[in-house]
PDB file of N, CA and C in Angstrom:
ATOM      1  N   MET A   1      99.898 104.761 109.039  1.00  0.00           N
ATOM      2  CA  MET A   1      98.467 104.868 108.843  1.00  0.00           C
ATOM      3  C   MET A   1      97.855 103.472 109.111  1.00  0.00           C
ATOM      4  N   SER A   2      96.730 103.508 109.724  1.00  0.00           N
ATOM      5  CA  SER A   2      96.112 102.243 110.087  1.00  0.00           C
ATOM      6  C   SER A   2      95.476 101.597 108.844  1.00  0.00           C
ATOM      7  N   LEU A   3      95.125 100.325 108.944  1.00  0.00           N
ATOM      8  CA  LEU A   3      94.527  99.673 107.802  1.00  0.00           C
ATOM      9  C   LEU A   3      93.189 100.246 107.383  1.00  0.00           C
ATOM     10  N   ILE A   4      92.388 100.641 108.368  1.00  0.00           N
ATOM     11  CA  ILE A   4      91.034 101.245 108.067  1.00  0.00           C
ATOM     12  C   ILE A   4      91.255 102.559 107.359  1.00  0.00           C
ATOM     13  N   GLY A   5      92.209 103.344 107.781  1.00  0.00           N
ATOM     14  CA  GLY A   5      92.483 104.629 107.109  1.00  0.00           C
ATOM     15  C   GLY A   5      92.936 104.479 105.752  1.00  0.00           C
ATOM     16  N   PHE A   6      93.850 103.402 105.472  1.00  0.00           N
ATOM     17  CA  PHE A   6      94.344 103.169 104.204  1.00  0.00           C
ATOM     18  C   PHE A   6      93.175 102.693 103.293  1.00  0.00           C
ATOM     19  N   LEU A   7      92.286 101.855 103.779  1.00  0.00           N
ATOM     20  CA  LEU A   7      91.189 101.413 102.985  1.00  0.00           C
ATOM     21  C   LEU A   7      90.179 102.589 102.707  1.00  0.00           C
ATOM     22  N   LEU A   8      90.021 103.468 103.658  1.00  0.00           N
ATOM     23  CA  LEU A   8      89.115 104.620 103.432  1.00  0.00           C
ATOM     24  C   LEU A   8      89.677 105.579 102.420  1.00  0.00           C
ATOM     25  N   ILE A   9      91.073 105.854 102.428  1.00  0.00           N
ATOM     26  CA  ILE A   9      91.633 106.622 101.432  1.00  0.00           C
ATOM     27  C   ILE A   9      91.515 105.976 100.046  1.00  0.00           C
ATOM     28  N   GLY A  10      91.693 104.663  99.993  1.00  0.00           N
ATOM     29  CA  GLY A  10      91.516 103.942  98.726  1.00  0.00           C
ATOM     30  C   GLY A  10      90.136 104.013  98.196  1.00  0.00           C
ATOM     31  N   LEU A  11      89.142 103.987  99.083  1.00  0.00           N
ATOM     32  CA  LEU A  11      87.768 104.075  98.626  1.00  0.00           C
ATOM     33  C   LEU A  11      87.529 105.448  98.081  1.00  0.00           C
ATOM     34  N   ILE A  12      87.994 106.536  98.708  1.00  0.00           N
ATOM     35  CA  ILE A  12      87.792 107.830  98.240  1.00  0.00           C
ATOM     36  C   ILE A  12      88.580 108.165  96.915  1.00  0.00           C
ATOM     37  N   ALA A  13      89.835 107.626  96.852  1.00  0.00           N
ATOM     38  CA  ALA A  13      90.561 107.873  95.705  1.00  0.00           C
ATOM     39  C   ALA A  13      89.998 107.092  94.494  1.00  0.00           C
ATOM     40  N   GLY A  14      89.549 105.881  94.720  1.00  0.00           N
ATOM     41  CA  GLY A  14      88.915 105.114  93.666  1.00  0.00           C
ATOM     42  C   GLY A  14      87.579 105.770  93.181  1.00  0.00           C
ATOM     43  N   ALA A  15      86.825 106.276  94.141  1.00  0.00           N
ATOM     44  CA  ALA A  15      85.585 106.930  93.727  1.00  0.00           C
ATOM     45  C   ALA A  15      85.796 108.144  92.846  1.00  0.00           C
ATOM     46  N   ILE A  16      86.888 108.949  93.271  1.00  0.00           N
ATOM     47  CA  ILE A  16      87.235 110.110  92.451  1.00  0.00           C
ATOM     48  C   ILE A  16      87.675 109.736  91.114  1.00  0.00           C
ATOM     49  N   ALA A  17      88.465 108.653  91.022  1.00  0.00           N
ATOM     50  CA  ALA A  17      88.980 108.222  89.746  1.00  0.00           C
ATOM     51  C   ALA A  17      87.852 107.731  88.813  1.00  0.00           C
ATOM     52  N   ARG A  18      86.863 106.992  89.437  1.00  0.00           N
ATOM     53  CA  ARG A  18      85.728 106.596  88.614  1.00  0.00           C
ATOM     54  C   ARG A  18      84.884 107.763  88.157  1.00  0.00           C
ATOM     55  N   PHE A  19      84.737 108.784  88.955  1.00  0.00           N
ATOM     56  CA  PHE A  19      84.068 109.995  88.644  1.00  0.00           C
ATOM     57  C   PHE A  19      84.748 110.771  87.473  1.00  0.00           C
ATOM     58  N   LEU A  20      86.018 110.824  87.515  1.00  0.00           N
ATOM     59  CA  LEU A  20      86.830 111.697  86.495  1.00  0.00           C
ATOM     60  C   LEU A  20      86.981 110.910  85.228  1.00  0.00           C
ATOM     61  N   VAL A  21      86.979 109.639  85.192  1.00  0.00           N
ATOM     62  CA  VAL A  21      87.123 108.924  83.896  1.00  0.00           C
ATOM     63  C   VAL A  21      85.750 108.530  83.387  1.00  0.00           C
ATOM     64  N   PRO A  22      85.350 109.131  82.263  1.00  0.00           N
ATOM     65  CA  PRO A  22      83.986 108.889  81.746  1.00  0.00           C
ATOM     66  C   PRO A  22      83.758 107.384  81.338  1.00  0.00           C
ATOM     67  N   GLY A  23      82.600 106.924  81.421  1.00  0.00           N
ATOM     68  CA  GLY A  23      82.231 105.564  81.052  1.00  0.00           C
ATOM     69  C   GLY A  23      81.676 104.839  82.170  1.00  0.00           C
ATOM     70  N   ARG A  24      81.154 103.681  81.818  1.00  0.00           N
ATOM     71  CA  ARG A  24      80.542 102.842  82.850  1.00  0.00           C
ATOM     72  C   ARG A  24      81.449 101.738  83.358  1.00  0.00           C
ATOM     73  N   ASP A  25      81.599 101.604  84.580  1.00  0.00           N
ATOM     74  CA  ASP A  25      82.423 100.542  85.237  1.00  0.00           C
ATOM     75  C   ASP A  25      81.607  99.699  86.178  1.00  0.00           C
ATOM     76  N   PRO A  26      81.339  98.441  85.795  1.00  0.00           N
ATOM     77  CA  PRO A  26      80.444  97.657  86.704  1.00  0.00           C
ATOM     78  C   PRO A  26      81.274  97.088  87.888  1.00  0.00           C
ATOM     79  N   MET A  27      81.450  97.931  88.880  1.00  0.00           N
ATOM     80  CA  MET A  27      82.115  97.482  90.078  1.00  0.00           C
ATOM     81  C   MET A  27      81.520  98.159  91.319  1.00  0.00           C
ATOM     82  N   GLY A  28      81.487  97.440  92.398  1.00  0.00           N
ATOM     83  CA  GLY A  28      80.777  97.965  93.595  1.00  0.00           C
ATOM     84  C   GLY A  28      81.678  98.755  94.477  1.00  0.00           C
ATOM     85  N   CYS A  29      81.359  98.839  95.724  1.00  0.00           N
ATOM     86  CA  CYS A  29      82.214  99.562  96.734  1.00  0.00           C
ATOM     87  C   CYS A  29      83.593  98.834  96.927  1.00  0.00           C
ATOM     88  N   VAL A  30      83.565  97.497  97.064  1.00  0.00           N
ATOM     89  CA  VAL A  30      84.781  96.771  97.288  1.00  0.00           C
ATOM     90  C   VAL A  30      85.735  96.928  96.060  1.00  0.00           C
ATOM     91  N   GLY A  31      85.139  96.865  94.866  1.00  0.00           N
ATOM     92  CA  GLY A  31      85.914  97.003  93.632  1.00  0.00           C
ATOM     93  C   GLY A  31      86.585  98.391  93.540  1.00  0.00           C
ATOM     94  N   THR A  32      85.769  99.388  93.950  1.00  0.00           N
ATOM     95  CA  THR A  32      86.247 100.807  94.002  1.00  0.00           C
ATOM     96  C   THR A  32      87.359 100.978  94.985  1.00  0.00           C
ATOM     97  N   MET A  33      87.168 100.293  96.192  1.00  0.00           N
ATOM     98  CA  MET A  33      88.181 100.378  97.212  1.00  0.00           C
ATOM     99  C   MET A  33      89.495  99.669  96.740  1.00  0.00           C
ATOM    100  N   LEU A  34      89.378  98.551  96.105  1.00  0.00           N
ATOM    101  CA  LEU A  34      90.564  97.856  95.631  1.00  0.00           C
ATOM    102  C   LEU A  34      91.245  98.707  94.494  1.00  0.00           C
ATOM    103  N   LEU A  35      90.418  99.391  93.637  1.00  0.00           N
ATOM    104  CA  LEU A  35      90.976 100.227  92.688  1.00  0.00           C
ATOM    105  C   LEU A  35      91.784 101.335  93.314  1.00  0.00           C
ATOM    106  N   GLY A  36      91.260 101.946  94.353  1.00  0.00           N
ATOM    107  CA  GLY A  36      92.030 102.986  95.075  1.00  0.00           C
ATOM    108  C   GLY A  36      93.256 102.544  95.761  1.00  0.00           C
ATOM    109  N   VAL A  37      93.202 101.324  96.302  1.00  0.00           N
ATOM    110  CA  VAL A  37      94.352 100.812  96.988  1.00  0.00           C
ATOM    111  C   VAL A  37      95.454 100.482  95.954  1.00  0.00           C
ATOM    112  N   VAL A  38      95.102  99.923  94.852  1.00  0.00           N
ATOM    113  CA  VAL A  38      96.095  99.675  93.806  1.00  0.00           C
ATOM    114  C   VAL A  38      96.578 101.011  93.249  1.00  0.00           C
ATOM    115  N   GLY A  39      95.692 101.979  93.125  1.00  0.00           N
ATOM    116  CA  GLY A  39      96.052 103.291  92.688  1.00  0.00           C
ATOM    117  C   GLY A  39      96.997 104.043  93.635  1.00  0.00           C
ATOM    118  N   SER A  40      96.851 103.839  94.913  1.00  0.00           N
ATOM    119  CA  SER A  40      97.661 104.361  95.900  1.00  0.00           C
ATOM    120  C   SER A  40      99.090 103.818  95.771  1.00  0.00           C
ATOM    121  N   TYR A  41      99.164 102.450  95.563  1.00  0.00           N
ATOM    122  CA  TYR A  41     100.448 101.837  95.339  1.00  0.00           C
ATOM    123  C   TYR A  41     101.190 102.358  94.102  1.00  0.00           C
ATOM    124  N   VAL A  42     100.413 102.421  93.039  1.00  0.00           N
ATOM    125  CA  VAL A  42     100.975 102.884  91.734  1.00  0.00           C
ATOM    126  C   VAL A  42     101.421 104.386  91.899  1.00  0.00           C
ATOM    127  N   GLY A  43     100.522 105.160  92.392  1.00  0.00           N
ATOM    128  CA  GLY A  43     100.846 106.641  92.595  1.00  0.00           C
ATOM    129  C   GLY A  43     102.092 106.807  93.554  1.00  0.00           C
ATOM    130  N   GLY A  44     102.090 106.027  94.534  1.00  0.00           N
ATOM    131  CA  GLY A  44     103.304 106.162  95.506  1.00  0.00           C
ATOM    132  C   GLY A  44     104.570 105.733  94.846  1.00  0.00           C
ATOM    133  N   THR A  45     104.511 104.632  94.107  1.00  0.00           N
ATOM    134  CA  THR A  45     105.695 104.200  93.389  1.00  0.00           C
ATOM    135  C   THR A  45     106.112 105.170  92.380  1.00  0.00           C
ATOM    136  N   LEU A  46     105.260 105.692  91.553  1.00  0.00           N
ATOM    137  CA  LEU A  46     105.603 106.717  90.567  1.00  0.00           C
ATOM    138  C   LEU A  46     106.200 107.942  91.180  1.00  0.00           C
ATOM    139  N   ALA A  47     105.600 108.417  92.309  1.00  0.00           N
ATOM    140  CA  ALA A  47     106.092 109.647  93.021  1.00  0.00           C
ATOM    141  C   ALA A  47     107.503 109.415  93.590  1.00  0.00           C
ATOM    142  N   SER A  48     107.759 108.113  94.032  1.00  0.00           N
ATOM    143  CA  SER A  48     109.072 107.886  94.635  1.00  0.00           C
ATOM    144  C   SER A  48     110.057 107.847  93.482  1.00  0.00           C
ATOM    145  N   PHE A  49     109.760 107.409  92.301  1.00  0.00           N
ATOM    146  CA  PHE A  49     110.669 107.487  91.118  1.00  0.00           C
ATOM    147  C   PHE A  49     110.889 108.900  90.706  1.00  0.00           C
ATOM    148  N   ILE A  50     109.814 109.674  90.625  1.00  0.00           N
ATOM    149  CA  ILE A  50     109.953 111.034  90.189  1.00  0.00           C
ATOM    150  C   ILE A  50     110.721 111.889  91.182  1.00  0.00           C
ATOM    151  N   PHE A  51     110.391 111.820  92.441  1.00  0.00           N
ATOM    152  CA  PHE A  51     110.981 112.701  93.440  1.00  0.00           C
ATOM    153  C   PHE A  51     112.221 112.092  94.107  1.00  0.00           C
ATOM    154  N   HIS A  52     112.544 110.839  93.864  1.00  0.00           N
ATOM    155  CA  HIS A  52     113.730 110.213  94.423  1.00  0.00           C
ATOM    156  C   HIS A  52     113.567 110.207  95.980  1.00  0.00           C
ATOM    157  N   ASP A  53     112.410 109.912  96.498  1.00  0.00           N
ATOM    158  CA  ASP A  53     112.137 110.014  97.950  1.00  0.00           C
ATOM    159  C   ASP A  53     111.538 108.744  98.442  1.00  0.00           C
ATOM    160  N   GLN A  54     111.980 108.192  99.451  1.00  0.00           N
ATOM    161  CA  GLN A  54     111.510 106.964 100.029  1.00  0.00           C
ATOM    162  C   GLN A  54     110.407 107.205 100.964  1.00  0.00           C
ATOM    163  N   LEU A  55     110.258 108.368 101.501  1.00  0.00           N
ATOM    164  CA  LEU A  55     109.211 108.722 102.443  1.00  0.00           C
ATOM    165  C   LEU A  55     107.942 109.478 101.801  1.00  0.00           C
ATOM    166  N   VAL A  56     107.590 108.999 100.588  1.00  0.00           N
ATOM    167  CA  VAL A  56     106.581 109.665  99.891  1.00  0.00           C
ATOM    168  C   VAL A  56     105.201 109.502 100.679  1.00  0.00           C
ATOM    169  N   ALA A  57     105.051 108.413 101.389  1.00  0.00           N
ATOM    170  CA  ALA A  57     103.766 108.153 102.087  1.00  0.00           C
ATOM    171  C   ALA A  57     103.448 109.226 103.219  1.00  0.00           C
ATOM    172  N   ARG A  58     104.451 109.974 103.633  1.00  0.00           N
ATOM    173  CA  ARG A  58     104.196 110.975 104.589  1.00  0.00           C
ATOM    174  C   ARG A  58     104.086 112.420 103.982  1.00  0.00           C
ATOM    175  N   ARG A  59     104.082 112.472 102.722  1.00  0.00           N
ATOM    176  CA  ARG A  59     103.940 113.780 102.104  1.00  0.00           C
ATOM    177  C   ARG A  59     102.461 114.181 101.927  1.00  0.00           C
ATOM    178  N   ALA A  60     102.230 115.515 101.692  1.00  0.00           N
ATOM    179  CA  ALA A  60     100.901 115.986 101.576  1.00  0.00           C
ATOM    180  C   ALA A  60     100.234 115.611 100.213  1.00  0.00           C
ATOM    181  N   ASP A  61     101.098 115.374  99.234  1.00  0.00           N
ATOM    182  CA  ASP A  61     100.531 115.093  97.901  1.00  0.00           C
ATOM    183  C   ASP A  61     100.314 113.583  97.576  1.00  0.00           C
ATOM    184  N   THR A  62     100.334 112.798  98.583  1.00  0.00           N
ATOM    185  CA  THR A  62     100.103 111.338  98.353  1.00  0.00           C
ATOM    186  C   THR A  62      98.680 111.042  97.928  1.00  0.00           C
ATOM    187  N   PHE A  63      97.731 111.869  98.344  1.00  0.00           N
ATOM    188  CA  PHE A  63      96.301 111.610  97.985  1.00  0.00           C
ATOM    189  C   PHE A  63      96.181 111.955  96.484  1.00  0.00           C
ATOM    190  N   ILE A  64      96.765 112.992  96.036  1.00  0.00           N
ATOM    191  CA  ILE A  64      96.793 113.291  94.590  1.00  0.00           C
ATOM    192  C   ILE A  64      97.464 112.222  93.803  1.00  0.00           C
ATOM    193  N   GLY A  65      98.526 111.636  94.291  1.00  0.00           N
ATOM    194  CA  GLY A  65      99.187 110.564  93.644  1.00  0.00           C
ATOM    195  C   GLY A  65      98.343 109.241  93.653  1.00  0.00           C
ATOM    196  N   ALA A  66      97.561 109.121  94.717  1.00  0.00           N
ATOM    197  CA  ALA A  66      96.620 107.968  94.781  1.00  0.00           C
ATOM    198  C   ALA A  66      95.515 108.049  93.736  1.00  0.00           C
ATOM    199  N   VAL A  67      95.036 109.329  93.549  1.00  0.00           N
ATOM    200  CA  VAL A  67      93.884 109.523  92.527  1.00  0.00           C
ATOM    201  C   VAL A  67      94.495 109.315  91.070  1.00  0.00           C
ATOM    202  N   ILE A  68      95.669 109.872  90.886  1.00  0.00           N
ATOM    203  CA  ILE A  68      96.299 109.705  89.591  1.00  0.00           C
ATOM    204  C   ILE A  68      96.650 108.249  89.299  1.00  0.00           C
ATOM    205  N   GLY A  69      97.136 107.571  90.334  1.00  0.00           N
ATOM    206  CA  GLY A  69      97.390 106.061  90.145  1.00  0.00           C
ATOM    207  C   GLY A  69      96.154 105.286  89.949  1.00  0.00           C
ATOM    208  N   SER A  70      95.044 105.685  90.648  1.00  0.00           N
ATOM    209  CA  SER A  70      93.787 105.047  90.378  1.00  0.00           C
ATOM    210  C   SER A  70      93.241 105.198  88.995  1.00  0.00           C
ATOM    211  N   ILE A  71      93.438 106.409  88.459  1.00  0.00           N
ATOM    212  CA  ILE A  71      92.980 106.725  87.077  1.00  0.00           C
ATOM    213  C   ILE A  71      93.760 105.822  86.131  1.00  0.00           C
ATOM    214  N   LEU A  72      95.119 105.718  86.365  1.00  0.00           N
ATOM    215  CA  LEU A  72      95.923 104.831  85.451  1.00  0.00           C
ATOM    216  C   LEU A  72      95.541 103.384  85.638  1.00  0.00           C
ATOM    217  N   ALA A  73      95.237 102.933  86.819  1.00  0.00           N
ATOM    218  CA  ALA A  73      94.771 101.613  87.008  1.00  0.00           C
ATOM    219  C   ALA A  73      93.471 101.290  86.413  1.00  0.00           C
ATOM    220  N   LEU A  74      92.583 102.229  86.395  1.00  0.00           N
ATOM    221  CA  LEU A  74      91.237 102.135  85.809  1.00  0.00           C
ATOM    222  C   LEU A  74      91.355 102.028  84.363  1.00  0.00           C
ATOM    223  N   LEU A  75      92.166 102.958  83.766  1.00  0.00           N
ATOM    224  CA  LEU A  75      92.370 102.911  82.289  1.00  0.00           C
ATOM    225  C   LEU A  75      93.083 101.592  81.835  1.00  0.00           C
ATOM    226  N   LEU A  76      93.989 101.045  82.629  1.00  0.00           N
ATOM    227  CA  LEU A  76      94.620  99.801  82.295  1.00  0.00           C
ATOM    228  C   LEU A  76      93.583  98.620  82.418  1.00  0.00           C
ATOM    229  N   LEU A  77      92.771  98.660  83.469  1.00  0.00           N
ATOM    230  CA  LEU A  77      91.647  97.671  83.582  1.00  0.00           C
ATOM    231  C   LEU A  77      90.745  97.653  82.494  1.00  0.00           C
ATOM    232  N   ARG A  78      90.346  98.874  81.970  1.00  0.00           N
ATOM    233  CA  ARG A  78      89.488  98.875  80.819  1.00  0.00           C
ATOM    234  C   ARG A  78      90.104  98.370  79.538  1.00  0.00           C
ATOM    235  N   ALA A  79      91.470  98.732  79.367  1.00  0.00           N
ATOM    236  CA  ALA A  79      92.151  98.246  78.181  1.00  0.00           C
ATOM    237  C   ALA A  79      92.232  96.765  78.180  1.00  0.00           C
ATOM    238  N   VAL A  80      92.492  96.134  79.299  1.00  0.00           N
ATOM    239  CA  VAL A  80      92.587  94.718  79.386  1.00  0.00           C
ATOM    240  C   VAL A  80      91.282  94.050  79.206  1.00  0.00           C
ATOM    241  N   SER A  81      90.183  94.589  79.804  1.00  0.00           N
ATOM    242  CA  SER A  81      88.872  93.979  79.744  1.00  0.00           C
ATOM    243  C   SER A  81      88.326  94.063  78.348  1.00  0.00           C
ATOM    244  N   ARG A  82      88.633  95.101  77.597  1.00  0.00           N
ATOM    245  CA  ARG A  82      88.081  95.204  76.244  1.00  0.00           C
ATOM    246  C   ARG A  82      88.684  94.204  75.269  1.00  0.00           C
ATOM    247  N   ARG A  83      89.881  93.736  75.536  1.00  0.00           N
ATOM    248  CA  ARG A  83      90.533  92.716  74.719  1.00  0.00           C
ATOM    249  C   ARG A  83      89.809  91.379  74.719  1.00  0.00           C
ATOM    250  N   ARG A  84      89.132  91.120  75.874  1.00  0.00           N
ATOM    251  CA  ARG A  84      88.444  89.775  76.029  1.00  0.00           C
ATOM    252  C   ARG A  84      87.162  89.717  75.283  1.00  0.00           C
TER     253      ARG A  84
END
């Protein structure tokens, strides 16, 4: 996948994660995109552990994993930012 496609998927996954998790998050488009990229990495890593597959990036459910990973990353970000 090209870099632009990866960033676009990250933006969409991050936006869906922000929509699904209630609450206010003060981040713009770049922050949402980074959230989705981190979520893609987290979701892909978790899926490779669960399914014992190294080629998870070529599967159809990677977008769902990206959204789930983005939700987990967003919840972790909120937990860390509340402590400060």
